[in-house]
């Protein structure tokens, strides 16, 4: 935990002394956002926090969200829609396509899930993810984004018929970020 705090502190410190620019972009600042997600077959909503960019191209992102697994329990024949929590921490590499209008980025990192006891006997599940994203700058402080990629956790709903996997495979996300 101390290493993560030290890493985030160092990131914020370095970004405040970033390379000199004639006109600094507002899009290199700290950002907070919200997103709608789909991990495999699970719908989710989340919030994300992005560190200021180092050298206008490298940043760190933390995201937390709630997802909804749809399945049939071994104890009941009715379909259930059970929430579970997912947390991600990743590194972002960004390149502008059209300066201060459209950016493309890649992001990859670790994921930590807290499954619901209604469909899984696991208390915690680790994995990884990677995405390719596009940011569309609406104003000098607001961007809309869409990202597609993959997620791998090995998570199985072992308390449901057929032990289906969840939160594995294709993922897509979209939302807005506000640069402070």
N, C-alpha and C. Protein backbone atom coordinates (compact mmCIF):
# COMPACT_ATOMS: atom_id res chain seq x y z
N UNK A 1 0.82 -1.18 0.00
CA UNK A 1 0.00 0.00 0.00
C UNK A 1 0.87 1.26 0.00
N UNK A 2 1.97 1.21 0.79
CA UNK A 2 2.86 2.37 0.84
C UNK A 2 3.48 2.63 -0.52
N UNK A 3 3.78 1.56 -1.26
CA UNK A 3 4.39 1.73 -2.58
C UNK A 3 3.42 2.39 -3.54
N UNK A 4 2.14 2.02 -3.47
CA UNK A 4 1.13 2.60 -4.36
C UNK A 4 0.96 4.09 -4.04
N UNK A 5 0.87 4.42 -2.75
CA UNK A 5 0.73 5.83 -2.35
C UNK A 5 1.96 6.62 -2.80
N UNK A 6 3.15 6.05 -2.61
CA UNK A 6 4.37 6.73 -3.04
C UNK A 6 4.40 6.92 -4.55
N UNK A 7 3.97 5.90 -5.30
CA UNK A 7 3.92 5.99 -6.76
C UNK A 7 2.95 7.08 -7.20
N UNK A 8 1.75 7.13 -6.61
CA UNK A 8 0.79 8.16 -6.98
C UNK A 8 1.29 9.55 -6.61
N UNK A 9 1.89 9.70 -5.44
CA UNK A 9 2.44 10.98 -5.02
C UNK A 9 3.54 11.45 -5.97
N UNK A 10 4.42 10.52 -6.35
CA UNK A 10 5.50 10.85 -7.28
C UNK A 10 4.93 11.26 -8.64
N UNK A 11 3.90 10.57 -9.09
CA UNK A 11 3.26 10.89 -10.37
C UNK A 11 2.69 12.31 -10.34
N UNK A 12 1.97 12.64 -9.28
CA UNK A 12 1.39 13.98 -9.19
C UNK A 12 2.48 15.04 -9.08
N UNK A 13 3.54 14.74 -8.34
CA UNK A 13 4.63 15.69 -8.18
C UNK A 13 5.34 15.94 -9.51
N UNK A 14 5.65 14.85 -10.22
CA UNK A 14 6.33 14.99 -11.51
C UNK A 14 5.47 15.72 -12.53
N UNK A 15 4.16 15.43 -12.50
CA UNK A 15 3.29 16.07 -13.49
C UNK A 15 3.16 17.57 -13.24
N UNK A 16 3.31 17.98 -11.99
CA UNK A 16 3.24 19.42 -11.73
C UNK A 16 4.47 20.15 -12.24
N UNK A 17 5.58 19.43 -12.45
CA UNK A 17 6.79 20.00 -13.03
C UNK A 17 6.99 19.51 -14.46
N UNK A 18 5.90 19.21 -15.16
CA UNK A 18 6.01 18.64 -16.50
C UNK A 18 6.71 19.60 -17.45
N UNK A 19 7.07 19.05 -18.60
CA UNK A 19 7.83 19.81 -19.58
C UNK A 19 7.14 21.12 -19.96
N UNK A 20 7.95 22.14 -20.17
CA UNK A 20 7.43 23.48 -20.49
C UNK A 20 6.68 23.44 -21.81
N UNK A 21 5.55 24.13 -21.83
CA UNK A 21 4.75 24.23 -23.04
C UNK A 21 4.45 25.70 -23.25
N UNK A 22 4.25 26.07 -24.51
CA UNK A 22 3.88 27.45 -24.78
C UNK A 22 2.49 27.73 -24.22
N UNK A 23 1.57 26.81 -24.45
CA UNK A 23 0.21 26.95 -23.96
C UNK A 23 -0.21 25.59 -23.39
N UNK A 24 -0.21 25.43 -22.06
CA UNK A 24 -0.54 24.13 -21.48
C UNK A 24 -1.98 23.72 -21.79
N UNK A 25 -2.17 22.46 -22.09
CA UNK A 25 -3.49 21.93 -22.38
C UNK A 25 -4.21 21.61 -21.07
N UNK A 26 -5.48 21.91 -21.04
CA UNK A 26 -6.31 21.58 -19.87
C UNK A 26 -6.50 20.06 -19.77
N UNK A 27 -6.28 19.36 -20.89
CA UNK A 27 -6.51 17.92 -20.91
C UNK A 27 -5.37 17.12 -20.30
N UNK A 28 -4.35 17.79 -19.77
CA UNK A 28 -3.24 17.10 -19.11
C UNK A 28 -3.39 17.13 -17.59
N UNK A 29 -4.51 17.60 -17.11
CA UNK A 29 -4.75 17.73 -15.68
C UNK A 29 -5.42 16.48 -15.09
N UNK A 30 -5.56 16.49 -13.78
CA UNK A 30 -6.30 15.45 -13.07
C UNK A 30 -7.72 15.40 -13.62
N UNK A 31 -8.29 14.19 -13.76
CA UNK A 31 -9.64 14.05 -14.31
C UNK A 31 -10.46 13.07 -13.48
N UNK A 32 -11.74 13.32 -13.45
CA UNK A 32 -12.70 12.42 -12.81
C UNK A 32 -13.79 12.15 -13.85
N UNK A 33 -14.27 10.92 -13.90
CA UNK A 33 -15.26 10.59 -14.91
C UNK A 33 -16.21 9.49 -14.48
N UNK A 34 -17.19 9.23 -15.33
CA UNK A 34 -18.12 8.13 -15.11
C UNK A 34 -18.21 7.34 -16.40
N UNK A 35 -18.60 6.09 -16.27
CA UNK A 35 -18.66 5.24 -17.45
C UNK A 35 -19.73 4.17 -17.33
N UNK A 36 -20.23 3.75 -18.50
CA UNK A 36 -21.11 2.58 -18.64
C UNK A 36 -20.26 1.50 -19.28
N UNK A 37 -20.35 0.28 -18.76
CA UNK A 37 -19.45 -0.79 -19.19
C UNK A 37 -20.22 -2.05 -19.56
N UNK A 38 -19.54 -2.89 -20.32
CA UNK A 38 -20.01 -4.25 -20.57
C UNK A 38 -18.78 -5.14 -20.56
N UNK A 39 -18.69 -6.01 -19.57
CA UNK A 39 -17.63 -7.01 -19.48
C UNK A 39 -18.26 -8.36 -19.79
N UNK A 40 -17.92 -8.92 -20.93
CA UNK A 40 -18.51 -10.15 -21.42
C UNK A 40 -20.01 -9.95 -21.51
N UNK A 41 -20.81 -10.55 -20.63
CA UNK A 41 -22.27 -10.38 -20.68
C UNK A 41 -22.79 -9.53 -19.53
N UNK A 42 -21.91 -8.93 -18.76
CA UNK A 42 -22.31 -8.22 -17.56
C UNK A 42 -22.32 -6.71 -17.78
N UNK A 43 -23.44 -6.08 -17.47
CA UNK A 43 -23.57 -4.62 -17.55
C UNK A 43 -23.02 -4.00 -16.28
N UNK A 44 -22.38 -2.83 -16.40
CA UNK A 44 -21.85 -2.16 -15.21
C UNK A 44 -21.80 -0.65 -15.36
N UNK A 45 -21.69 0.00 -14.22
CA UNK A 45 -21.50 1.45 -14.16
C UNK A 45 -20.32 1.70 -13.24
N UNK A 46 -19.58 2.78 -13.50
CA UNK A 46 -18.41 3.04 -12.67
C UNK A 46 -17.97 4.48 -12.69
N UNK A 47 -17.00 4.76 -11.84
CA UNK A 47 -16.35 6.06 -11.80
C UNK A 47 -14.85 5.84 -11.99
N UNK A 48 -14.18 6.83 -12.53
CA UNK A 48 -12.74 6.70 -12.75
C UNK A 48 -12.02 8.00 -12.40
N UNK A 49 -10.78 7.84 -11.96
CA UNK A 49 -9.92 8.95 -11.61
C UNK A 49 -8.62 8.79 -12.39
N UNK A 50 -8.22 9.85 -13.09
CA UNK A 50 -7.00 9.82 -13.89
C UNK A 50 -6.02 10.84 -13.36
N UNK A 51 -4.77 10.41 -13.19
CA UNK A 51 -3.72 11.32 -12.72
C UNK A 51 -3.40 12.33 -13.82
N UNK A 52 -2.75 13.42 -13.47
CA UNK A 52 -2.26 14.33 -14.52
C UNK A 52 -1.25 13.58 -15.41
N UNK A 53 -1.18 13.98 -16.65
CA UNK A 53 -0.29 13.31 -17.60
C UNK A 53 1.15 13.77 -17.41
N UNK A 54 2.05 12.82 -17.48
CA UNK A 54 3.48 13.09 -17.42
C UNK A 54 3.96 13.19 -18.87
N UNK A 55 4.62 14.27 -19.22
CA UNK A 55 5.12 14.51 -20.58
C UNK A 55 4.00 14.41 -21.61
N UNK A 56 2.79 14.78 -21.22
CA UNK A 56 1.61 14.82 -22.09
C UNK A 56 1.19 13.47 -22.65
N UNK A 57 1.80 12.35 -22.19
CA UNK A 57 1.44 11.07 -22.80
C UNK A 57 1.29 9.90 -21.83
N UNK A 58 1.71 10.02 -20.59
CA UNK A 58 1.66 8.90 -19.64
C UNK A 58 0.89 9.29 -18.39
N UNK A 59 -0.08 8.46 -17.99
CA UNK A 59 -0.87 8.73 -16.79
C UNK A 59 -1.27 7.41 -16.14
N UNK A 60 -1.89 7.52 -14.98
CA UNK A 60 -2.39 6.36 -14.25
C UNK A 60 -3.87 6.55 -14.00
N UNK A 61 -4.62 5.44 -14.01
CA UNK A 61 -6.07 5.53 -13.81
C UNK A 61 -6.51 4.48 -12.80
N UNK A 62 -7.43 4.91 -11.94
CA UNK A 62 -8.09 4.02 -10.99
C UNK A 62 -9.57 4.06 -11.32
N UNK A 63 -10.18 2.89 -11.41
CA UNK A 63 -11.60 2.81 -11.71
C UNK A 63 -12.27 1.84 -10.76
N UNK A 64 -13.47 2.18 -10.34
CA UNK A 64 -14.25 1.31 -9.48
C UNK A 64 -15.67 1.27 -10.02
N UNK A 65 -16.27 0.08 -10.02
CA UNK A 65 -17.61 -0.04 -10.57
C UNK A 65 -18.39 -1.20 -9.99
N UNK A 66 -19.67 -1.16 -10.25
CA UNK A 66 -20.56 -2.26 -9.89
C UNK A 66 -21.09 -2.86 -11.19
N UNK A 67 -21.04 -4.19 -11.26
CA UNK A 67 -21.49 -4.94 -12.43
C UNK A 67 -22.61 -5.87 -12.01
N UNK A 68 -23.39 -6.31 -12.99
CA UNK A 68 -24.53 -7.16 -12.68
C UNK A 68 -24.45 -8.46 -13.48
N UNK A 69 -24.35 -9.57 -12.73
CA UNK A 69 -24.29 -10.91 -13.33
C UNK A 69 -25.71 -11.44 -13.44
N UNK A 70 -26.04 -12.00 -14.60
CA UNK A 70 -27.36 -12.59 -14.81
C UNK A 70 -27.19 -14.09 -14.93
N UNK A 71 -27.84 -14.84 -14.05
CA UNK A 71 -27.72 -16.29 -14.08
C UNK A 71 -28.81 -16.96 -13.27
N UNK A 72 -28.81 -18.28 -13.29
CA UNK A 72 -29.79 -19.07 -12.56
C UNK A 72 -29.09 -19.82 -11.44
N UNK A 73 -29.52 -19.59 -10.22
CA UNK A 73 -28.91 -20.20 -9.04
C UNK A 73 -29.19 -21.69 -9.01
N UNK A 74 -28.30 -22.46 -8.37
CA UNK A 74 -28.51 -23.90 -8.18
C UNK A 74 -29.68 -24.16 -7.24
N UNK A 75 -30.00 -23.21 -6.38
CA UNK A 75 -31.06 -23.38 -5.39
C UNK A 75 -32.41 -22.91 -5.87
N UNK A 76 -32.47 -22.24 -7.00
CA UNK A 76 -33.72 -21.64 -7.48
C UNK A 76 -33.74 -21.74 -9.00
N UNK A 77 -34.92 -21.76 -9.58
CA UNK A 77 -35.02 -21.83 -11.04
C UNK A 77 -35.22 -20.46 -11.66
N UNK A 78 -35.37 -19.44 -10.83
CA UNK A 78 -35.59 -18.08 -11.34
C UNK A 78 -34.25 -17.42 -11.70
N UNK A 79 -34.28 -16.60 -12.74
CA UNK A 79 -33.10 -15.83 -13.12
C UNK A 79 -32.83 -14.79 -12.04
N UNK A 80 -31.54 -14.56 -11.78
CA UNK A 80 -31.17 -13.51 -10.82
C UNK A 80 -30.24 -12.52 -11.50
N UNK A 81 -30.24 -11.33 -11.00
CA UNK A 81 -29.38 -10.26 -11.48
C UNK A 81 -28.62 -9.77 -10.27
N UNK A 82 -27.44 -10.33 -10.04
CA UNK A 82 -26.69 -10.08 -8.81
C UNK A 82 -25.54 -9.12 -9.05
N UNK A 83 -25.41 -8.10 -8.18
CA UNK A 83 -24.31 -7.15 -8.33
C UNK A 83 -23.00 -7.70 -7.78
N UNK A 84 -21.89 -7.30 -8.37
CA UNK A 84 -20.56 -7.56 -7.83
C UNK A 84 -19.69 -6.35 -8.14
N UNK A 85 -18.58 -6.23 -7.43
CA UNK A 85 -17.74 -5.04 -7.53
C UNK A 85 -16.43 -5.34 -8.24
N UNK A 86 -15.97 -4.36 -9.00
CA UNK A 86 -14.74 -4.51 -9.76
C UNK A 86 -13.91 -3.23 -9.61
N UNK A 87 -12.63 -3.40 -9.36
CA UNK A 87 -11.71 -2.27 -9.21
C UNK A 87 -10.52 -2.49 -10.13
N UNK A 88 -10.12 -1.43 -10.83
CA UNK A 88 -8.99 -1.53 -11.76
C UNK A 88 -7.98 -0.44 -11.46
N UNK A 89 -6.72 -0.76 -11.71
CA UNK A 89 -5.66 0.24 -11.68
C UNK A 89 -4.79 -0.02 -12.90
N UNK A 90 -4.53 1.04 -13.67
CA UNK A 90 -3.81 0.84 -14.91
C UNK A 90 -2.92 2.00 -15.30
N UNK A 91 -2.13 1.74 -16.32
CA UNK A 91 -1.22 2.73 -16.90
C UNK A 91 -1.74 3.07 -18.29
N UNK A 92 -1.71 4.37 -18.62
CA UNK A 92 -2.24 4.86 -19.89
C UNK A 92 -1.12 5.47 -20.71
N UNK A 93 -1.11 5.17 -21.99
CA UNK A 93 -0.24 5.84 -22.95
C UNK A 93 -1.13 6.52 -23.98
N UNK A 94 -1.00 7.84 -24.13
CA UNK A 94 -1.91 8.62 -24.98
C UNK A 94 -1.15 9.36 -26.07
N UNK A 95 -1.77 9.43 -27.25
CA UNK A 95 -1.22 10.19 -28.38
C UNK A 95 -2.35 10.99 -29.01
N UNK A 96 -2.14 12.29 -29.21
CA UNK A 96 -3.18 13.08 -29.88
C UNK A 96 -3.20 12.77 -31.38
N UNK A 97 -4.39 12.66 -31.93
CA UNK A 97 -4.54 12.50 -33.38
C UNK A 97 -4.74 13.88 -33.99
N UNK A 98 -5.67 14.63 -33.40
CA UNK A 98 -5.88 16.03 -33.75
C UNK A 98 -5.72 16.80 -32.45
N UNK A 99 -4.72 17.66 -32.37
CA UNK A 99 -4.36 18.34 -31.11
C UNK A 99 -5.56 18.95 -30.40
N UNK A 100 -5.75 18.56 -29.16
CA UNK A 100 -6.83 19.02 -28.29
C UNK A 100 -8.23 18.77 -28.86
N UNK A 101 -8.36 17.82 -29.79
CA UNK A 101 -9.68 17.47 -30.34
C UNK A 101 -9.95 15.97 -30.20
N UNK A 102 -9.02 15.13 -30.68
CA UNK A 102 -9.19 13.67 -30.62
C UNK A 102 -7.88 13.04 -30.17
N UNK A 103 -7.97 12.16 -29.18
CA UNK A 103 -6.80 11.43 -28.69
C UNK A 103 -7.07 9.94 -28.79
N UNK A 104 -6.02 9.18 -29.01
CA UNK A 104 -6.10 7.72 -28.96
C UNK A 104 -5.19 7.29 -27.81
N UNK A 105 -5.62 6.26 -27.07
CA UNK A 105 -4.81 5.79 -25.95
C UNK A 105 -4.93 4.28 -25.78
N UNK A 106 -3.95 3.73 -25.13
CA UNK A 106 -4.00 2.33 -24.70
C UNK A 106 -3.88 2.34 -23.19
N UNK A 107 -4.51 1.35 -22.58
CA UNK A 107 -4.48 1.24 -21.13
C UNK A 107 -4.42 -0.23 -20.77
N UNK A 108 -3.63 -0.54 -19.78
CA UNK A 108 -3.53 -1.91 -19.30
C UNK A 108 -3.22 -1.93 -17.83
N UNK A 109 -3.66 -2.98 -17.16
CA UNK A 109 -3.39 -3.04 -15.74
C UNK A 109 -4.01 -4.24 -15.06
N UNK A 110 -4.17 -4.10 -13.75
CA UNK A 110 -4.69 -5.18 -12.91
C UNK A 110 -6.15 -4.90 -12.54
N UNK A 111 -6.85 -5.99 -12.27
CA UNK A 111 -8.24 -5.88 -11.86
C UNK A 111 -8.44 -6.73 -10.60
N UNK A 112 -9.23 -6.22 -9.67
CA UNK A 112 -9.57 -6.92 -8.45
C UNK A 112 -11.09 -6.91 -8.34
N UNK A 113 -11.70 -8.10 -8.29
CA UNK A 113 -13.15 -8.20 -8.20
C UNK A 113 -13.56 -8.77 -6.86
N UNK A 114 -14.71 -8.32 -6.38
CA UNK A 114 -15.33 -8.87 -5.18
C UNK A 114 -16.65 -9.48 -5.62
N UNK A 115 -16.67 -10.82 -5.84
CA UNK A 115 -17.88 -11.48 -6.33
C UNK A 115 -19.01 -11.47 -5.29
N UNK A 116 -20.20 -11.70 -5.77
CA UNK A 116 -21.38 -11.79 -4.92
C UNK A 116 -21.51 -13.23 -4.42
N UNK A 117 -21.85 -13.40 -3.14
CA UNK A 117 -21.97 -14.76 -2.57
C UNK A 117 -23.16 -15.51 -3.14
N UNK A 118 -24.08 -14.83 -3.84
CA UNK A 118 -25.23 -15.51 -4.44
C UNK A 118 -24.83 -16.39 -5.63
N UNK A 119 -23.71 -16.07 -6.30
CA UNK A 119 -23.34 -16.86 -7.47
C UNK A 119 -21.91 -17.38 -7.44
N UNK A 120 -21.09 -16.99 -6.45
CA UNK A 120 -19.70 -17.43 -6.42
C UNK A 120 -19.27 -17.73 -4.99
N UNK A 121 -18.45 -18.77 -4.85
CA UNK A 121 -17.90 -19.09 -3.53
C UNK A 121 -16.56 -18.39 -3.30
N UNK A 122 -16.03 -17.71 -4.32
CA UNK A 122 -14.78 -16.95 -4.18
C UNK A 122 -15.03 -15.65 -3.44
N UNK A 123 -14.09 -15.28 -2.58
CA UNK A 123 -14.19 -14.00 -1.87
C UNK A 123 -13.59 -12.87 -2.66
N UNK A 124 -12.59 -13.19 -3.49
CA UNK A 124 -11.86 -12.18 -4.24
C UNK A 124 -11.33 -12.82 -5.52
N UNK A 125 -11.23 -12.05 -6.57
CA UNK A 125 -10.76 -12.56 -7.86
C UNK A 125 -9.83 -11.53 -8.48
N UNK A 126 -8.63 -11.96 -8.91
CA UNK A 126 -7.65 -11.08 -9.55
C UNK A 126 -7.60 -11.36 -11.05
N UNK A 127 -7.16 -10.37 -11.81
CA UNK A 127 -6.99 -10.56 -13.24
C UNK A 127 -6.29 -9.38 -13.87
N UNK A 128 -6.39 -9.31 -15.19
CA UNK A 128 -5.77 -8.24 -15.94
C UNK A 128 -6.68 -7.77 -17.05
N UNK A 129 -6.37 -6.61 -17.61
CA UNK A 129 -7.19 -6.06 -18.70
C UNK A 129 -6.32 -5.21 -19.60
N UNK A 130 -6.81 -4.95 -20.78
CA UNK A 130 -6.16 -4.05 -21.72
C UNK A 130 -7.21 -3.47 -22.66
N UNK A 131 -7.10 -2.17 -22.97
CA UNK A 131 -8.08 -1.52 -23.84
C UNK A 131 -7.38 -0.58 -24.82
N UNK A 132 -8.07 -0.30 -25.90
CA UNK A 132 -7.73 0.75 -26.85
C UNK A 132 -8.87 1.75 -26.78
N UNK A 133 -8.55 3.02 -26.53
CA UNK A 133 -9.60 4.01 -26.34
C UNK A 133 -9.43 5.24 -27.21
N UNK A 134 -10.54 5.93 -27.40
CA UNK A 134 -10.58 7.18 -28.15
C UNK A 134 -11.27 8.24 -27.30
N UNK A 135 -10.65 9.41 -27.20
CA UNK A 135 -11.23 10.54 -26.48
C UNK A 135 -11.62 11.61 -27.48
N UNK A 136 -12.83 12.14 -27.33
CA UNK A 136 -13.32 13.21 -28.19
C UNK A 136 -13.54 14.43 -27.30
N UNK A 137 -12.78 15.47 -27.54
CA UNK A 137 -12.78 16.65 -26.69
C UNK A 137 -13.99 17.52 -27.01
N UNK A 138 -14.88 17.65 -26.04
CA UNK A 138 -16.09 18.44 -26.21
C UNK A 138 -15.80 19.91 -25.91
N UNK A 139 -15.13 20.17 -24.79
CA UNK A 139 -14.67 21.51 -24.43
C UNK A 139 -13.22 21.36 -23.97
N UNK A 140 -12.63 22.43 -23.48
CA UNK A 140 -11.25 22.33 -23.01
C UNK A 140 -11.14 21.57 -21.70
N UNK A 141 -12.28 21.26 -21.06
CA UNK A 141 -12.27 20.52 -19.80
C UNK A 141 -13.00 19.18 -19.86
N UNK A 142 -13.79 18.92 -20.89
CA UNK A 142 -14.66 17.75 -20.94
C UNK A 142 -14.34 16.90 -22.17
N UNK A 143 -14.22 15.57 -21.95
CA UNK A 143 -14.03 14.64 -23.05
C UNK A 143 -15.05 13.51 -22.93
N UNK A 144 -15.49 13.01 -24.07
CA UNK A 144 -16.26 11.78 -24.13
C UNK A 144 -15.30 10.71 -24.61
N UNK A 145 -15.50 9.47 -24.15
CA UNK A 145 -14.59 8.41 -24.56
C UNK A 145 -15.34 7.12 -24.83
N UNK A 146 -14.69 6.30 -25.65
CA UNK A 146 -15.13 4.94 -25.88
C UNK A 146 -13.87 4.08 -25.92
N UNK A 147 -13.96 2.91 -25.30
CA UNK A 147 -12.81 2.01 -25.29
C UNK A 147 -13.28 0.57 -25.45
N UNK A 148 -12.45 -0.21 -26.16
CA UNK A 148 -12.73 -1.62 -26.35
C UNK A 148 -11.47 -2.40 -25.99
N UNK A 149 -11.67 -3.61 -25.54
CA UNK A 149 -10.51 -4.40 -25.17
C UNK A 149 -10.91 -5.76 -24.63
N UNK A 150 -10.03 -6.29 -23.80
CA UNK A 150 -10.25 -7.61 -23.24
C UNK A 150 -9.95 -7.64 -21.75
N UNK A 151 -10.56 -8.61 -21.09
CA UNK A 151 -10.40 -8.79 -19.66
C UNK A 151 -10.24 -10.28 -19.38
N UNK A 152 -9.36 -10.61 -18.47
CA UNK A 152 -9.16 -12.01 -18.08
C UNK A 152 -9.05 -12.13 -16.58
N UNK A 153 -10.01 -12.85 -15.98
CA UNK A 153 -10.01 -13.03 -14.54
C UNK A 153 -10.09 -14.49 -14.12
N UNK A 154 -10.57 -15.34 -15.00
CA UNK A 154 -10.78 -16.74 -14.64
C UNK A 154 -11.96 -16.95 -13.71
N UNK A 155 -12.80 -15.93 -13.55
CA UNK A 155 -13.92 -15.99 -12.61
C UNK A 155 -15.02 -16.91 -13.13
N UNK A 156 -15.53 -17.75 -12.23
CA UNK A 156 -16.63 -18.66 -12.55
C UNK A 156 -17.73 -18.52 -11.52
N UNK A 157 -18.97 -18.57 -11.99
CA UNK A 157 -20.14 -18.53 -11.11
C UNK A 157 -20.46 -19.96 -10.71
N UNK A 158 -19.74 -20.48 -9.71
CA UNK A 158 -19.87 -21.89 -9.34
C UNK A 158 -21.13 -22.22 -8.55
N UNK A 159 -21.93 -21.23 -8.22
CA UNK A 159 -23.20 -21.48 -7.55
C UNK A 159 -24.38 -21.38 -8.52
N UNK A 160 -24.07 -21.38 -9.83
CA UNK A 160 -25.10 -21.30 -10.87
C UNK A 160 -25.01 -22.53 -11.77
N UNK A 161 -26.12 -22.82 -12.45
CA UNK A 161 -26.15 -23.96 -13.36
C UNK A 161 -25.09 -23.82 -14.44
N UNK A 162 -24.30 -24.84 -14.66
CA UNK A 162 -23.29 -24.86 -15.70
C UNK A 162 -21.99 -24.18 -15.35
N UNK A 163 -21.87 -23.62 -14.15
CA UNK A 163 -20.66 -22.89 -13.72
C UNK A 163 -20.17 -21.92 -14.80
N UNK A 164 -21.00 -20.98 -15.24
CA UNK A 164 -20.57 -20.07 -16.32
C UNK A 164 -19.45 -19.13 -15.87
N UNK A 165 -18.63 -18.73 -16.83
CA UNK A 165 -17.60 -17.73 -16.54
C UNK A 165 -18.26 -16.36 -16.60
N UNK A 166 -17.66 -15.41 -15.92
CA UNK A 166 -18.13 -14.04 -15.99
C UNK A 166 -16.93 -13.11 -15.92
N UNK A 167 -17.12 -11.92 -16.45
CA UNK A 167 -16.06 -10.89 -16.47
C UNK A 167 -14.78 -11.42 -17.11
N UNK A 168 -14.92 -12.11 -18.22
CA UNK A 168 -13.81 -12.62 -19.02
C UNK A 168 -14.12 -12.34 -20.49
N UNK A 169 -13.12 -12.03 -21.27
CA UNK A 169 -13.33 -11.85 -22.71
C UNK A 169 -13.43 -10.40 -23.11
N UNK A 170 -14.38 -10.11 -23.99
CA UNK A 170 -14.54 -8.79 -24.59
C UNK A 170 -15.11 -7.79 -23.59
N UNK A 171 -14.59 -6.56 -23.63
CA UNK A 171 -15.15 -5.49 -22.82
C UNK A 171 -15.26 -4.22 -23.64
N UNK A 172 -16.26 -3.44 -23.34
CA UNK A 172 -16.46 -2.15 -24.00
C UNK A 172 -16.95 -1.16 -22.95
N UNK A 173 -16.53 0.08 -23.09
CA UNK A 173 -16.87 1.09 -22.10
C UNK A 173 -17.00 2.43 -22.80
N UNK A 174 -17.87 3.27 -22.28
CA UNK A 174 -18.03 4.63 -22.79
C UNK A 174 -18.45 5.55 -21.66
N UNK A 175 -18.11 6.82 -21.79
CA UNK A 175 -18.48 7.77 -20.75
C UNK A 175 -17.90 9.14 -20.98
N UNK A 176 -17.79 9.89 -19.88
CA UNK A 176 -17.27 11.25 -19.92
C UNK A 176 -16.25 11.44 -18.82
N UNK A 177 -15.28 12.31 -19.09
CA UNK A 177 -14.27 12.70 -18.09
C UNK A 177 -14.23 14.22 -18.01
N UNK A 178 -14.04 14.72 -16.79
CA UNK A 178 -13.97 16.14 -16.54
C UNK A 178 -12.57 16.45 -15.99
N UNK A 179 -11.82 17.26 -16.72
CA UNK A 179 -10.46 17.63 -16.31
C UNK A 179 -10.54 18.85 -15.40
N UNK A 180 -9.98 18.71 -14.22
CA UNK A 180 -10.08 19.76 -13.21
C UNK A 180 -8.94 20.76 -13.29
